[in-house]
Amino acid sequence: KVRKMTMISPTNKEVQIGQTLKDDEFIGMVRREVMDDFLRKRANDSGCTLINGLFMSMTLPKSKDESYVLTYNDFAESDGTSRQGVKKTLEVDVVIGADGANSRVAKEIDAGDY
């Protein structure tokens, strides 16, 4: 059980975690590769279509009746030597930016510093 840690942001800011924990408390930790795989499998089992790609940009809807348009590089058709992918677009109703500390989605919508 983790009781103390230093969290370091991508911009090198450090935050000490754990000073206010009670004796029976601990810091919850997760291994990203395990959690990400679990979430992918759960989404797939729930009927989602998985895309092996890299998000490049997003066009925001101009009205509530329009969709978001995502531009991404699709790696499904790429062989192992060329990881450039095929440029594609996808229209969606909702975007969840769960792409990590250096989120391209957050940058695209000007989410600011986080």
Foldseek 3Di string as FASTA:
>chain_A
DAQWDWDAAPVGDIDIPRPPDDPPDHDDDDDVVVVVVVVVVVCVVVPDDDFDWAWDAWDDDPDLPFFIKTWIFTQPPPDPVDRRHDIDIDTDHDDDQPPDRVTPVCVRVVVDHD
